[in-house]
Amino acid sequence: MSQDIVIPPAMSLSERFERGDLFASPCPSRDILKHVSSRWGVLILIALRTGTHRFSELRRKLGGVSEKMLAQSLQALVEDGFIVRVSYPVVPPYVEYSLTDMGEEGARLVAQLADWVEQKTPAILEFREANGAAQLAEQKFRDD
């Protein structure tokens, strides 16, 4: 019994560009991946899973993020459609951020990765310590 091999038709350059190809340097999906997977992008998405937050609430919750970095990260996630920014015309300015449906989906996925990292942290730290000791011993051997 013979099986037919189906070879898909080659995609045109425009089709590949529209579809996305992370391995191609000009692909816009790389920027999106950078926004979603950056340290602050991940933490923002996870923080917003609990609901709508103001800028100052997010800054306190994230701990260690500068105002500039938080503003840039939020802006990128808003432009990508993961977050909704609502500004109220009052003094002082009152701005809230919340996840879109697509943001909810992305947040769920990065939260799974973050949970895995948290679970593996003790083993990773142990590996680092053991590997660091081995590298020090190797360096000492070379120096002698």
Protein backbone atom coordinates (compact mmCIF):
# COMPACT_ATOMS: atom_id res chain seq x y z
CA MET A 1 0.00 0.00 0.00
CA SER A 2 1.48 3.28 -1.06
CA GLN A 3 1.10 6.51 0.87
CA ASP A 4 0.94 9.75 -1.01
CA ILE A 5 3.24 12.45 0.26
CA VAL A 6 1.58 15.84 0.20
CA ILE A 7 3.93 18.75 -0.27
CA PRO A 8 2.32 22.04 0.66
CA PRO A 9 2.65 24.81 -1.89
CA ALA A 10 5.45 27.26 -1.20
CA MET A 11 4.30 30.42 0.53
CA SER A 12 4.98 33.74 -1.09
CA LEU A 13 7.10 36.28 0.73
CA SER A 14 4.04 38.37 1.58
CA GLU A 15 2.21 35.30 2.97
CA ARG A 16 5.21 34.40 5.13
CA PHE A 17 5.45 37.99 6.36
CA GLU A 18 1.76 38.09 7.25
CA ARG A 19 1.85 34.69 8.93
CA GLY A 20 4.98 35.48 10.91
CA ASP A 21 8.30 33.74 11.20
CA LEU A 22 10.19 34.28 14.46
CA PHE A 23 13.42 33.12 12.86
CA ALA A 24 13.32 35.83 10.19
CA SER A 25 14.92 39.02 11.47
CA PRO A 26 12.41 41.46 9.91
CA CYS A 27 9.39 39.56 11.25
CA PRO A 28 7.09 41.77 13.40
CA SER A 29 6.32 38.78 15.62
CA ARG A 30 9.78 39.23 17.18
CA ASP A 31 8.82 42.62 18.61
CA ILE A 32 5.56 41.22 19.93
CA LEU A 33 7.41 38.30 21.53
CA LYS A 34 9.86 40.76 23.08
CA HIS A 35 7.01 42.78 24.61
CA VAL A 36 5.19 39.74 25.99
CA SER A 37 8.24 37.84 27.22
CA SER A 38 10.31 40.67 28.68
CA ARG A 39 10.72 40.63 32.45
CA TRP A 40 8.30 43.53 32.90
CA GLY A 41 5.91 42.35 30.19
CA VAL A 42 5.51 38.98 31.90
CA LEU A 43 5.02 40.53 35.32
CA ILE A 44 2.54 43.13 34.04
CA LEU A 45 0.45 40.48 32.31
CA ILE A 46 0.44 38.29 35.41
CA ALA A 47 -0.38 41.23 37.69
CA LEU A 48 -3.34 42.25 35.54
CA ARG A 49 -4.82 38.74 35.73
CA THR A 50 -6.25 39.78 39.10
CA GLY A 51 -8.16 42.68 37.54
CA THR A 52 -7.87 46.34 36.63
CA HIS A 53 -4.97 48.29 38.14
CA ARG A 54 -3.84 51.88 38.20
CA PHE A 55 -0.28 52.78 37.18
CA SER A 56 0.87 53.35 40.77
CA GLU A 57 -0.69 50.05 41.89
CA LEU A 58 1.18 48.18 39.17
CA ARG A 59 4.44 49.90 40.05
CA ARG A 60 4.12 48.91 43.70
CA LYS A 61 3.05 45.37 42.82
CA LEU A 62 5.95 44.80 40.40
CA GLY A 63 8.64 46.08 42.76
CA GLY A 64 11.85 47.42 41.24
CA VAL A 65 10.46 48.73 37.95
CA SER A 66 11.16 52.37 37.12
CA GLU A 67 8.31 54.65 36.06
CA LYS A 68 9.87 54.99 32.62
CA MET A 69 10.23 51.23 32.10
CA LEU A 70 6.71 50.53 33.33
CA ALA A 71 5.28 53.23 31.06
CA GLN A 72 7.20 51.89 28.04
CA SER A 73 6.19 48.29 28.74
CA LEU A 74 2.54 49.20 29.25
CA GLN A 75 2.52 51.29 26.06
CA ALA A 76 3.95 48.39 24.02
CA LEU A 77 1.38 45.95 25.44
CA VAL A 78 -1.43 48.44 24.75
CA GLU A 79 -0.22 48.94 21.16
CA ASP A 80 -0.10 45.16 20.67
CA GLY A 81 -3.69 44.80 21.89
CA PHE A 82 -2.98 42.88 25.10
CA ILE A 83 -3.98 45.68 27.46
CA VAL A 84 -6.69 48.34 27.48
CA ARG A 85 -5.73 51.76 28.85
CA VAL A 86 -8.58 53.92 30.12
CA SER A 87 -7.81 57.53 31.01
CA TYR A 88 -10.30 59.53 33.06
CA PRO A 89 -10.41 63.31 32.49
CA VAL A 90 -9.85 64.35 36.10
CA VAL A 91 -7.12 66.12 38.06
CA PRO A 92 -4.83 64.47 38.97
CA PRO A 93 -4.90 62.10 35.97
CA TYR A 94 -6.52 58.75 36.65
CA VAL A 95 -5.53 55.90 34.32
CA GLU A 96 -6.50 52.24 34.59
CA TYR A 97 -5.09 49.20 32.82
CA SER A 98 -6.79 45.87 32.24
CA LEU A 99 -6.33 42.84 30.01
CA THR A 100 -8.12 42.35 26.70
CA ASP A 101 -9.36 38.88 25.77
CA MET A 102 -6.11 38.31 23.88
CA GLY A 103 -4.21 39.65 26.88
CA GLU A 104 -6.00 37.16 29.15
CA GLU A 105 -4.88 34.34 26.89
CA GLY A 106 -1.29 35.58 26.76
CA ALA A 107 -1.23 36.20 30.51
CA ARG A 108 -2.39 32.63 31.15
CA LEU A 109 0.43 31.28 29.00
CA VAL A 110 3.21 33.41 30.49
CA ALA A 111 1.87 32.62 33.97
CA GLN A 112 2.37 28.91 33.22
CA LEU A 113 5.98 29.61 32.23
CA ALA A 114 6.50 31.75 35.34
CA ASP A 115 5.03 28.99 37.54
CA TRP A 116 7.41 26.47 35.95
CA VAL A 117 10.38 28.79 36.60
CA GLU A 118 9.29 29.20 40.23
CA GLN A 119 9.05 25.41 40.65
CA LYS A 120 12.46 24.82 39.07
CA THR A 121 14.29 27.68 40.84
CA PRO A 122 15.75 25.52 43.67
CA ALA A 123 17.14 22.99 41.16
CA ILE A 124 18.48 25.77 38.93
CA LEU A 125 20.18 27.51 41.86
CA GLU A 126 21.66 24.19 42.95
CA PHE A 127 22.96 23.60 39.42
CA ARG A 128 24.43 27.10 39.29
CA GLU A 129 26.20 26.59 42.59
CA ALA A 130 27.61 23.21 41.57
CA ASN A 131 28.60 24.49 38.14
CA GLY A 132 30.21 27.59 39.62
CA ALA A 133 32.30 25.46 41.99
CA ALA A 134 33.37 23.24 39.09
CA GLN A 135 34.38 26.26 37.02
CA LEU A 136 36.41 27.69 39.91
CA ALA A 137 38.24 24.36 40.32
CA GLU A 138 38.92 24.21 36.58
CA GLN A 139 40.23 27.78 36.56
CA LYS A 140 42.51 27.03 39.54
CA PHE A 141 43.85 23.96 37.70
CA ARG A 142 44.65 26.11 34.65
CA ASP A 143 46.36 28.76 36.78
CA ASP A 144 48.64 26.17 38.44
